[in-house]
mmCIF file of all heavy atoms, coordinates in Angstrom:
data_MODEL
# 
_entry.id   MODEL 
# 
loop_
_atom_site.group_PDB 
_atom_site.id 
_atom_site.type_symbol 
_atom_site.label_atom_id 
_atom_site.label_alt_id 
_atom_site.label_comp_id 
_atom_site.label_asym_id 
_atom_site.label_entity_id 
_atom_site.label_seq_id 
_atom_site.pdbx_PDB_ins_code 
_atom_site.Cartn_x 
_atom_site.Cartn_y 
_atom_site.Cartn_z 
_atom_site.occupancy 
_atom_site.B_iso_or_equiv 
_atom_site.pdbx_formal_charge 
_atom_site.auth_seq_id 
_atom_site.auth_comp_id 
_atom_site.auth_asym_id 
_atom_site.auth_atom_id 
_atom_site.pdbx_PDB_model_num 
ATOM 1   N N   . LEU A 1 1  ? -41.997 -21.248 -38.599 1.00 0.00 ? 1  LEU A N   1 
ATOM 2   C CA  . LEU A 1 1  ? -42.015 -19.794 -38.484 1.00 0.00 ? 1  LEU A CA  1 
ATOM 3   C C   . LEU A 1 1  ? -41.788 -19.144 -39.839 1.00 0.00 ? 1  LEU A C   1 
ATOM 4   O O   . LEU A 1 1  ? -41.167 -19.724 -40.723 1.00 0.00 ? 1  LEU A O   1 
ATOM 5   C CB  . LEU A 1 1  ? -40.919 -19.326 -37.523 1.00 0.00 ? 1  LEU A CB  1 
ATOM 6   C CG  . LEU A 1 1  ? -40.986 -19.868 -36.104 1.00 0.00 ? 1  LEU A CG  1 
ATOM 7   C CD1 . LEU A 1 1  ? -39.755 -19.439 -35.330 1.00 0.00 ? 1  LEU A CD1 1 
ATOM 8   C CD2 . LEU A 1 1  ? -42.250 -19.405 -35.406 1.00 0.00 ? 1  LEU A CD2 1 
ATOM 9   N N   . ASN A 1 2  ? -42.290 -17.928 -39.993 1.00 0.00 ? 2  ASN A N   1 
ATOM 10  C CA  . ASN A 1 2  ? -42.015 -17.136 -41.187 1.00 0.00 ? 2  ASN A CA  1 
ATOM 11  C C   . ASN A 1 2  ? -41.112 -15.985 -40.779 1.00 0.00 ? 2  ASN A C   1 
ATOM 12  O O   . ASN A 1 2  ? -41.436 -15.215 -39.875 1.00 0.00 ? 2  ASN A O   1 
ATOM 13  C CB  . ASN A 1 2  ? -43.312 -16.578 -41.786 1.00 0.00 ? 2  ASN A CB  1 
ATOM 14  C CG  . ASN A 1 2  ? -44.184 -17.667 -42.325 1.00 0.00 ? 2  ASN A CG  1 
ATOM 15  O OD1 . ASN A 1 2  ? -43.717 -18.605 -42.939 1.00 0.00 ? 2  ASN A OD1 1 
ATOM 16  N ND2 . ASN A 1 2  ? -45.486 -17.552 -42.088 1.00 0.00 ? 2  ASN A ND2 1 
ATOM 17  N N   . LEU A 1 3  ? -39.977 -15.863 -41.422 1.00 0.00 ? 3  LEU A N   1 
ATOM 18  C CA  . LEU A 1 3  ? -39.025 -14.799 -41.140 1.00 0.00 ? 3  LEU A CA  1 
ATOM 19  C C   . LEU A 1 3  ? -39.033 -13.816 -42.298 1.00 0.00 ? 3  LEU A C   1 
ATOM 20  O O   . LEU A 1 3  ? -39.011 -14.212 -43.455 1.00 0.00 ? 3  LEU A O   1 
ATOM 21  C CB  . LEU A 1 3  ? -37.617 -15.379 -40.952 1.00 0.00 ? 3  LEU A CB  1 
ATOM 22  C CG  . LEU A 1 3  ? -37.491 -16.471 -39.895 1.00 0.00 ? 3  LEU A CG  1 
ATOM 23  C CD1 . LEU A 1 3  ? -36.074 -17.042 -39.903 1.00 0.00 ? 3  LEU A CD1 1 
ATOM 24  C CD2 . LEU A 1 3  ? -37.832 -15.918 -38.522 1.00 0.00 ? 3  LEU A CD2 1 
ATOM 25  N N   . LEU A 1 4  ? -39.063 -12.528 -41.986 1.00 0.00 ? 4  LEU A N   1 
ATOM 26  C CA  . LEU A 1 4  ? -39.118 -11.500 -43.016 1.00 0.00 ? 4  LEU A CA  1 
ATOM 27  C C   . LEU A 1 4  ? -37.862 -10.642 -42.997 1.00 0.00 ? 4  LEU A C   1 
ATOM 28  O O   . LEU A 1 4  ? -37.329 -10.338 -41.927 1.00 0.00 ? 4  LEU A O   1 
ATOM 29  C CB  . LEU A 1 4  ? -40.325 -10.582 -42.793 1.00 0.00 ? 4  LEU A CB  1 
ATOM 30  C CG  . LEU A 1 4  ? -41.698 -11.222 -42.860 1.00 0.00 ? 4  LEU A CG  1 
ATOM 31  C CD1 . LEU A 1 4  ? -42.761 -10.195 -42.519 1.00 0.00 ? 4  LEU A CD1 1 
ATOM 32  C CD2 . LEU A 1 4  ? -41.950 -11.783 -44.236 1.00 0.00 ? 4  LEU A CD2 1 
ATOM 33  N N   . SER A 1 5  ? -37.445 -10.224 -44.161 1.00 0.00 ? 5  SER A N   1 
ATOM 34  C CA  . SER A 1 5  ? -36.357 -9.263  -44.295 1.00 0.00 ? 5  SER A CA  1 
ATOM 35  C C   . SER A 1 5  ? -36.977 -7.886  -44.492 1.00 0.00 ? 5  SER A C   1 
ATOM 36  O O   . SER A 1 5  ? -37.574 -7.605  -45.532 1.00 0.00 ? 5  SER A O   1 
ATOM 37  C CB  . SER A 1 5  ? -35.481 -9.621  -45.488 1.00 0.00 ? 5  SER A CB  1 
ATOM 38  O OG  . SER A 1 5  ? -34.629 -8.547  -45.788 1.00 0.00 ? 5  SER A OG  1 
ATOM 39  N N   . VAL A 1 6  ? -36.835 -7.025  -43.491 1.00 0.00 ? 6  VAL A N   1 
ATOM 40  C CA  . VAL A 1 6  ? -37.386 -5.671  -43.591 1.00 0.00 ? 6  VAL A CA  1 
ATOM 41  C C   . VAL A 1 6  ? -36.735 -4.944  -44.763 1.00 0.00 ? 6  VAL A C   1 
ATOM 42  O O   . VAL A 1 6  ? -37.393 -4.224  -45.509 1.00 0.00 ? 6  VAL A O   1 
ATOM 43  C CB  . VAL A 1 6  ? -37.195 -4.899  -42.266 1.00 0.00 ? 6  VAL A CB  1 
ATOM 44  C CG1 . VAL A 1 6  ? -37.619 -3.449  -42.408 1.00 0.00 ? 6  VAL A CG1 1 
ATOM 45  C CG2 . VAL A 1 6  ? -37.977 -5.571  -41.155 1.00 0.00 ? 6  VAL A CG2 1 
ATOM 46  N N   . ASN A 1 7  ? -35.451 -5.158  -44.967 1.00 0.00 ? 7  ASN A N   1 
ATOM 47  C CA  . ASN A 1 7  ? -34.747 -4.515  -46.075 1.00 0.00 ? 7  ASN A CA  1 
ATOM 48  C C   . ASN A 1 7  ? -35.361 -4.889  -47.425 1.00 0.00 ? 7  ASN A C   1 
ATOM 49  O O   . ASN A 1 7  ? -35.547 -4.031  -48.290 1.00 0.00 ? 7  ASN A O   1 
ATOM 50  C CB  . ASN A 1 7  ? -33.268 -4.896  -46.042 1.00 0.00 ? 7  ASN A CB  1 
ATOM 51  C CG  . ASN A 1 7  ? -32.472 -4.136  -47.063 1.00 0.00 ? 7  ASN A CG  1 
ATOM 52  O OD1 . ASN A 1 7  ? -32.580 -2.920  -47.164 1.00 0.00 ? 7  ASN A OD1 1 
ATOM 53  N ND2 . ASN A 1 7  ? -31.687 -4.847  -47.844 1.00 0.00 ? 7  ASN A ND2 1 
ATOM 54  N N   . LYS A 1 8  ? -35.719 -6.163  -47.615 1.00 0.00 ? 8  LYS A N   1 
ATOM 55  C CA  . LYS A 1 8  ? -36.351 -6.587  -48.868 1.00 0.00 ? 8  LYS A CA  1 
ATOM 56  C C   . LYS A 1 8  ? -37.715 -5.939  -49.050 1.00 0.00 ? 8  LYS A C   1 
ATOM 57  O O   . LYS A 1 8  ? -38.078 -5.533  -50.141 1.00 0.00 ? 8  LYS A O   1 
ATOM 58  C CB  . LYS A 1 8  ? -36.515 -8.106  -48.906 1.00 0.00 ? 8  LYS A CB  1 
ATOM 59  C CG  . LYS A 1 8  ? -35.336 -8.845  -49.434 1.00 0.00 ? 8  LYS A CG  1 
ATOM 60  C CD  . LYS A 1 8  ? -35.714 -10.292 -49.665 1.00 0.00 ? 8  LYS A CD  1 
ATOM 61  C CE  . LYS A 1 8  ? -34.577 -11.042 -50.302 1.00 0.00 ? 8  LYS A CE  1 
ATOM 62  N NZ  . LYS A 1 8  ? -34.944 -12.423 -50.615 1.00 0.00 ? 8  LYS A NZ  1 
ATOM 63  N N   . ILE A 1 9  ? -38.483 -5.847  -47.978 1.00 0.00 ? 9  ILE A N   1 
ATOM 64  C CA  . ILE A 1 9  ? -39.814 -5.237  -48.067 1.00 0.00 ? 9  ILE A CA  1 
ATOM 65  C C   . ILE A 1 9  ? -39.700 -3.779  -48.479 1.00 0.00 ? 9  ILE A C   1 
ATOM 66  O O   . ILE A 1 9  ? -40.417 -3.301  -49.357 1.00 0.00 ? 9  ILE A O   1 
ATOM 67  C CB  . ILE A 1 9  ? -40.570 -5.358  -46.726 1.00 0.00 ? 9  ILE A CB  1 
ATOM 68  C CG1 . ILE A 1 9  ? -40.831 -6.827  -46.396 1.00 0.00 ? 9  ILE A CG1 1 
ATOM 69  C CG2 . ILE A 1 9  ? -41.884 -4.574  -46.773 1.00 0.00 ? 9  ILE A CG2 1 
ATOM 70  C CD1 . ILE A 1 9  ? -41.350 -7.046  -44.995 1.00 0.00 ? 9  ILE A CD1 1 
ATOM 71  N N   . ILE A 1 10 ? -38.790 -3.059  -47.854 1.00 0.00 ? 10 ILE A N   1 
ATOM 72  C CA  . ILE A 1 10 ? -38.613 -1.632  -48.142 1.00 0.00 ? 10 ILE A CA  1 
ATOM 73  C C   . ILE A 1 10 ? -38.111 -1.425  -49.569 1.00 0.00 ? 10 ILE A C   1 
ATOM 74  O O   . ILE A 1 10 ? -38.634 -0.601  -50.317 1.00 0.00 ? 10 ILE A O   1 
ATOM 75  C CB  . ILE A 1 10 ? -37.632 -0.999  -47.136 1.00 0.00 ? 10 ILE A CB  1 
ATOM 76  C CG1 . ILE A 1 10 ? -38.256 -0.970  -45.742 1.00 0.00 ? 10 ILE A CG1 1 
ATOM 77  C CG2 . ILE A 1 10 ? -37.234 0.403   -47.557 1.00 0.00 ? 10 ILE A CG2 1 
ATOM 78  C CD1 . ILE A 1 10 ? -37.267 -0.626  -44.654 1.00 0.00 ? 10 ILE A CD1 1 
ATOM 79  N N   . ALA A 1 11 ? -37.099 -2.183  -49.962 1.00 0.00 ? 11 ALA A N   1 
ATOM 80  C CA  . ALA A 1 11 ? -36.463 -1.978  -51.263 1.00 0.00 ? 11 ALA A CA  1 
ATOM 81  C C   . ALA A 1 11 ? -37.397 -2.247  -52.431 1.00 0.00 ? 11 ALA A C   1 
ATOM 82  O O   . ALA A 1 11 ? -37.400 -1.509  -53.413 1.00 0.00 ? 11 ALA A O   1 
ATOM 83  C CB  . ALA A 1 11 ? -35.227 -2.871  -51.368 1.00 0.00 ? 11 ALA A CB  1 
ATOM 84  N N   . LYS A 1 12 ? -38.184 -3.298  -52.361 1.00 0.00 ? 12 LYS A N   1 
ATOM 85  C CA  . LYS A 1 12 ? -39.026 -3.695  -53.497 1.00 0.00 ? 12 LYS A CA  1 
ATOM 86  C C   . LYS A 1 12 ? -40.397 -3.030  -53.525 1.00 0.00 ? 12 LYS A C   1 
ATOM 87  O O   . LYS A 1 12 ? -41.067 -3.054  -54.537 1.00 0.00 ? 12 LYS A O   1 
ATOM 88  C CB  . LYS A 1 12 ? -39.222 -5.213  -53.495 1.00 0.00 ? 12 LYS A CB  1 
ATOM 89  C CG  . LYS A 1 12 ? -37.958 -5.993  -53.683 1.00 0.00 ? 12 LYS A CG  1 
ATOM 90  C CD  . LYS A 1 12 ? -37.595 -6.078  -55.137 1.00 0.00 ? 12 LYS A CD  1 
ATOM 91  C CE  . LYS A 1 12 ? -36.424 -7.018  -55.323 1.00 0.00 ? 12 LYS A CE  1 
ATOM 92  N NZ  . LYS A 1 12 ? -36.145 -7.286  -56.705 1.00 0.00 ? 12 LYS A NZ  1 
ATOM 93  N N   . ASN A 1 13 ? -40.845 -2.457  -52.398 1.00 0.00 ? 13 ASN A N   1 
ATOM 94  C CA  . ASN A 1 13 ? -42.202 -1.921  -52.322 1.00 0.00 ? 13 ASN A CA  1 
ATOM 95  C C   . ASN A 1 13 ? -42.265 -0.414  -52.105 1.00 0.00 ? 13 ASN A C   1 
ATOM 96  O O   . ASN A 1 13 ? -43.336 0.144   -51.975 1.00 0.00 ? 13 ASN A O   1 
ATOM 97  C CB  . ASN A 1 13 ? -42.987 -2.638  -51.223 1.00 0.00 ? 13 ASN A CB  1 
ATOM 98  C CG  . ASN A 1 13 ? -43.278 -4.070  -51.594 1.00 0.00 ? 13 ASN A CG  1 
ATOM 99  O OD1 . ASN A 1 13 ? -44.185 -4.343  -52.359 1.00 0.00 ? 13 ASN A OD1 1 
ATOM 100 N ND2 . ASN A 1 13 ? -42.490 -4.996  -51.064 1.00 0.00 ? 13 ASN A ND2 1 
ATOM 101 N N   . ASN A 1 14 ? -41.115 0.243   -52.036 1.00 0.00 ? 14 ASN A N   1 
ATOM 102 C CA  . ASN A 1 14 ? -41.058 1.703   -51.892 1.00 0.00 ? 14 ASN A CA  1 
ATOM 103 C C   . ASN A 1 14 ? -41.923 2.202   -50.736 1.00 0.00 ? 14 ASN A C   1 
ATOM 104 O O   . ASN A 1 14 ? -42.809 3.037   -50.906 1.00 0.00 ? 14 ASN A O   1 
ATOM 105 C CB  . ASN A 1 14 ? -41.467 2.383   -53.200 1.00 0.00 ? 14 ASN A CB  1 
ATOM 106 C CG  . ASN A 1 14 ? -41.087 3.848   -53.207 1.00 0.00 ? 14 ASN A CG  1 
ATOM 107 O OD1 . ASN A 1 14 ? -40.107 4.238   -52.569 1.00 0.00 ? 14 ASN A OD1 1 
ATOM 108 N ND2 . ASN A 1 14 ? -41.841 4.656   -53.917 1.00 0.00 ? 14 ASN A ND2 1 
ATOM 109 N N   . ILE A 1 15 ? -41.678 1.654   -49.548 1.00 0.00 ? 15 ILE A N   1 
ATOM 110 C CA  . ILE A 1 15 ? -42.417 2.072   -48.365 1.00 0.00 ? 15 ILE A CA  1 
ATOM 111 C C   . ILE A 1 15 ? -41.451 2.446   -47.250 1.00 0.00 ? 15 ILE A C   1 
ATOM 112 O O   . ILE A 1 15 ? -40.262 2.135   -47.304 1.00 0.00 ? 15 ILE A O   1 
ATOM 113 C CB  . ILE A 1 15 ? -43.380 0.976   -47.861 1.00 0.00 ? 15 ILE A CB  1 
ATOM 114 C CG1 . ILE A 1 15 ? -42.609 -0.268  -47.425 1.00 0.00 ? 15 ILE A CG1 1 
ATOM 115 C CG2 . ILE A 1 15 ? -44.423 0.641   -48.888 1.00 0.00 ? 15 ILE A CG2 1 
ATOM 116 C CD1 . ILE A 1 15 ? -43.480 -1.314  -46.771 1.00 0.00 ? 15 ILE A CD1 1 
ATOM 117 N N   . LEU A 1 16 ? -41.966 3.115   -46.252 1.00 0.00 ? 16 LEU A N   1 
ATOM 118 C CA  . LEU A 1 16 ? -41.211 3.494   -45.070 1.00 0.00 ? 16 LEU A CA  1 
ATOM 119 C C   . LEU A 1 16 ? -41.747 2.683   -43.899 1.00 0.00 ? 16 LEU A C   1 
ATOM 120 O O   . LEU A 1 16 ? -42.963 2.588   -43.710 1.00 0.00 ? 16 LEU A O   1 
ATOM 121 C CB  . LEU A 1 16 ? -41.391 4.989   -44.788 1.00 0.00 ? 16 LEU A CB  1 
ATOM 122 C CG  . LEU A 1 16 ? -40.780 5.532   -43.514 1.00 0.00 ? 16 LEU A CG  1 
ATOM 123 C CD1 . LEU A 1 16 ? -39.258 5.459   -43.568 1.00 0.00 ? 16 LEU A CD1 1 
ATOM 124 C CD2 . LEU A 1 16 ? -41.228 6.962   -43.291 1.00 0.00 ? 16 LEU A CD2 1 
ATOM 125 N N   . ILE A 1 17 ? -40.859 2.089   -43.127 1.00 0.00 ? 17 ILE A N   1 
ATOM 126 C CA  . ILE A 1 17 ? -41.249 1.330   -41.945 1.00 0.00 ? 17 ILE A CA  1 
ATOM 127 C C   . ILE A 1 17 ? -40.585 1.951   -40.731 1.00 0.00 ? 17 ILE A C   1 
ATOM 128 O O   . ILE A 1 17 ? -39.377 2.195   -40.735 1.00 0.00 ? 17 ILE A O   1 
ATOM 129 C CB  . ILE A 1 17 ? -40.863 -0.154  -42.072 1.00 0.00 ? 17 ILE A CB  1 
ATOM 130 C CG1 . ILE A 1 17 ? -41.593 -0.787  -43.255 1.00 0.00 ? 17 ILE A CG1 1 
ATOM 131 C CG2 . ILE A 1 17 ? -41.195 -0.905  -40.785 1.00 0.00 ? 17 ILE A CG2 1 
ATOM 132 C CD1 . ILE A 1 17 ? -41.252 -2.239  -43.494 1.00 0.00 ? 17 ILE A CD1 1 
ATOM 133 N N   . HIS A 1 18 ? -41.393 2.219   -39.708 1.00 0.00 ? 18 HIS A N   1 
ATOM 134 C CA  . HIS A 1 18 ? -40.887 2.829   -38.476 1.00 0.00 ? 18 HIS A CA  1 
ATOM 135 C C   . HIS A 1 18 ? -41.198 1.910   -37.302 1.00 0.00 ? 18 HIS A C   1 
ATOM 136 O O   . HIS A 1 18 ? -42.344 1.514   -37.108 1.00 0.00 ? 18 HIS A O   1 
ATOM 137 C CB  . HIS A 1 18 ? -41.538 4.196   -38.246 1.00 0.00 ? 18 HIS A CB  1 
ATOM 138 C CG  . HIS A 1 18 ? -41.171 4.813   -36.939 1.00 0.00 ? 18 HIS A CG  1 
ATOM 139 N ND1 . HIS A 1 18 ? -39.969 5.439   -36.730 1.00 0.00 ? 18 HIS A ND1 1 
ATOM 140 C CD2 . HIS A 1 18 ? -41.837 4.871   -35.774 1.00 0.00 ? 18 HIS A CD2 1 
ATOM 141 C CE1 . HIS A 1 18 ? -39.919 5.854   -35.478 1.00 0.00 ? 18 HIS A CE1 1 
ATOM 142 N NE2 . HIS A 1 18 ? -41.039 5.530   -34.880 1.00 0.00 ? 18 HIS A NE2 1 
ATOM 143 N N   . PHE A 1 19 ? -40.168 1.562   -36.530 1.00 0.00 ? 19 PHE A N   1 
ATOM 144 C CA  . PHE A 1 19 ? -40.326 0.745   -35.334 1.00 0.00 ? 19 PHE A CA  1 
ATOM 145 C C   . PHE A 1 19 ? -40.126 1.610   -34.103 1.00 0.00 ? 19 PHE A C   1 
ATOM 146 O O   . PHE A 1 19 ? -39.227 2.451   -34.069 1.00 0.00 ? 19 PHE A O   1 
ATOM 147 C CB  . PHE A 1 19 ? -39.274 -0.382  -35.295 1.00 0.00 ? 19 PHE A CB  1 
ATOM 148 C CG  . PHE A 1 19 ? -39.433 -1.411  -36.355 1.00 0.00 ? 19 PHE A CG  1 
ATOM 149 C CD1 . PHE A 1 19 ? -38.756 -1.303  -37.562 1.00 0.00 ? 19 PHE A CD1 1 
ATOM 150 C CD2 . PHE A 1 19 ? -40.256 -2.508  -36.156 1.00 0.00 ? 19 PHE A CD2 1 
ATOM 151 C CE1 . PHE A 1 19 ? -38.888 -2.269  -38.542 1.00 0.00 ? 19 PHE A CE1 1 
ATOM 152 C CE2 . PHE A 1 19 ? -40.402 -3.475  -37.129 1.00 0.00 ? 19 PHE A CE2 1 
ATOM 153 C CZ  . PHE A 1 19 ? -39.718 -3.350  -38.320 1.00 0.00 ? 19 PHE A CZ  1 
ATOM 154 N N   . ASP A 1 20 ? -40.963 1.388   -33.095 1.00 0.00 ? 20 ASP A N   1 
ATOM 155 C CA  . ASP A 1 20 ? -40.686 1.957   -31.771 1.00 0.00 ? 20 ASP A CA  1 
ATOM 156 C C   . ASP A 1 20 ? -40.925 0.846   -30.753 1.00 0.00 ? 20 ASP A C   1 
ATOM 157 O O   . ASP A 1 20 ? -41.149 -0.309  -31.124 1.00 0.00 ? 20 ASP A O   1 
ATOM 158 C CB  . ASP A 1 20 ? -41.509 3.221   -31.492 1.00 0.00 ? 20 ASP A CB  1 
ATOM 159 C CG  . ASP A 1 20 ? -43.005 3.000   -31.477 1.00 0.00 ? 20 ASP A CG  1 
ATOM 160 O OD1 . ASP A 1 20 ? -43.453 1.904   -31.095 1.00 0.00 ? 20 ASP A OD1 1 
ATOM 161 O OD2 . ASP A 1 20 ? -43.742 3.938   -31.821 1.00 0.00 ? 20 ASP A OD2 1 
ATOM 162 N N   . ALA A 1 21 ? -40.872 1.154   -29.488 1.00 0.00 ? 21 ALA A N   1 
ATOM 163 C CA  . ALA A 1 21 ? -40.966 0.122   -28.457 1.00 0.00 ? 21 ALA A CA  1 
ATOM 164 C C   . ALA A 1 21 ? -42.312 -0.604  -28.452 1.00 0.00 ? 21 ALA A C   1 
ATOM 165 O O   . ALA A 1 21 ? -42.393 -1.752  -28.030 1.00 0.00 ? 21 ALA A O   1 
ATOM 166 C CB  . ALA A 1 21 ? -40.711 0.732   -27.083 1.00 0.00 ? 21 ALA A CB  1 
ATOM 167 N N   . ALA A 1 22 ? -43.362 0.042   -28.944 1.00 0.00 ? 22 ALA A N   1 
ATOM 168 C CA  . ALA A 1 22 ? -44.697 -0.532  -28.854 1.00 0.00 ? 22 ALA A CA  1 
ATOM 169 C C   . ALA A 1 22 ? -45.260 -1.069  -30.168 1.00 0.00 ? 22 ALA A C   1 
ATOM 170 O O   . ALA A 1 22 ? -46.128 -1.933  -30.148 1.00 0.00 ? 22 ALA A O   1 
ATOM 171 C CB  . ALA A 1 22 ? -45.661 0.505   -28.286 1.00 0.00 ? 22 ALA A CB  1 
ATOM 172 N N   . LYS A 1 23 ? -44.785 -0.561  -31.309 1.00 0.00 ? 23 LYS A N   1 
ATOM 173 C CA  . LYS A 1 23 ? -45.435 -0.959  -32.565 1.00 0.00 ? 23 LYS A CA  1 
ATOM 174 C C   . LYS A 1 23 ? -44.541 -0.719  -33.782 1.00 0.00 ? 23 LYS A C   1 
ATOM 175 O O   . LYS A 1 23 ? -43.467 -0.143  -33.684 1.00 0.00 ? 23 LYS A O   1 
ATOM 176 C CB  . LYS A 1 23 ? -46.753 -0.223  -32.733 1.00 0.00 ? 23 LYS A CB  1 
ATOM 177 C CG  . LYS A 1 23 ? -46.631 1.266   -32.730 1.00 0.00 ? 23 LYS A CG  1 
ATOM 178 C CD  . LYS A 1 23 ? -47.994 1.915   -32.657 1.00 0.00 ? 23 LYS A CD  1 
ATOM 179 C CE  . LYS A 1 23 ? -47.841 3.225   -31.955 1.00 0.00 ? 23 LYS A CE  1 
ATOM 180 N NZ  . LYS A 1 23 ? -48.629 3.501   -30.846 1.00 0.00 ? 23 LYS A NZ  1 
ATOM 181 N N   . CYS A 1 24 ? -45.055 -1.154  -34.901 1.00 0.00 ? 24 CYS A N   1 
ATOM 182 C CA  . CYS A 1 24 ? -44.408 -0.957  -36.196 1.00 0.00 ? 24 CYS A CA  1 
ATOM 183 C C   . CYS A 1 24 ? -45.412 -0.244  -37.082 1.00 0.00 ? 24 CYS A C   1 
ATOM 184 O O   . CYS A 1 24 ? -46.565 -0.642  -37.181 1.00 0.00 ? 24 CYS A O   1 
ATOM 185 C CB  . CYS A 1 24 ? -44.029 -2.315  -36.770 1.00 0.00 ? 24 CYS A CB  1 
ATOM 186 S SG  . CYS A 1 24 ? -43.486 -2.252  -38.476 1.00 0.00 ? 24 CYS A SG  1 
# 
């Protein structure tokens, strides 16, 4: 499996990630 750290993605790439019940 590949596990991702959302915090690392946000911090290094200057993006916003929004999760809801159906999608990201």
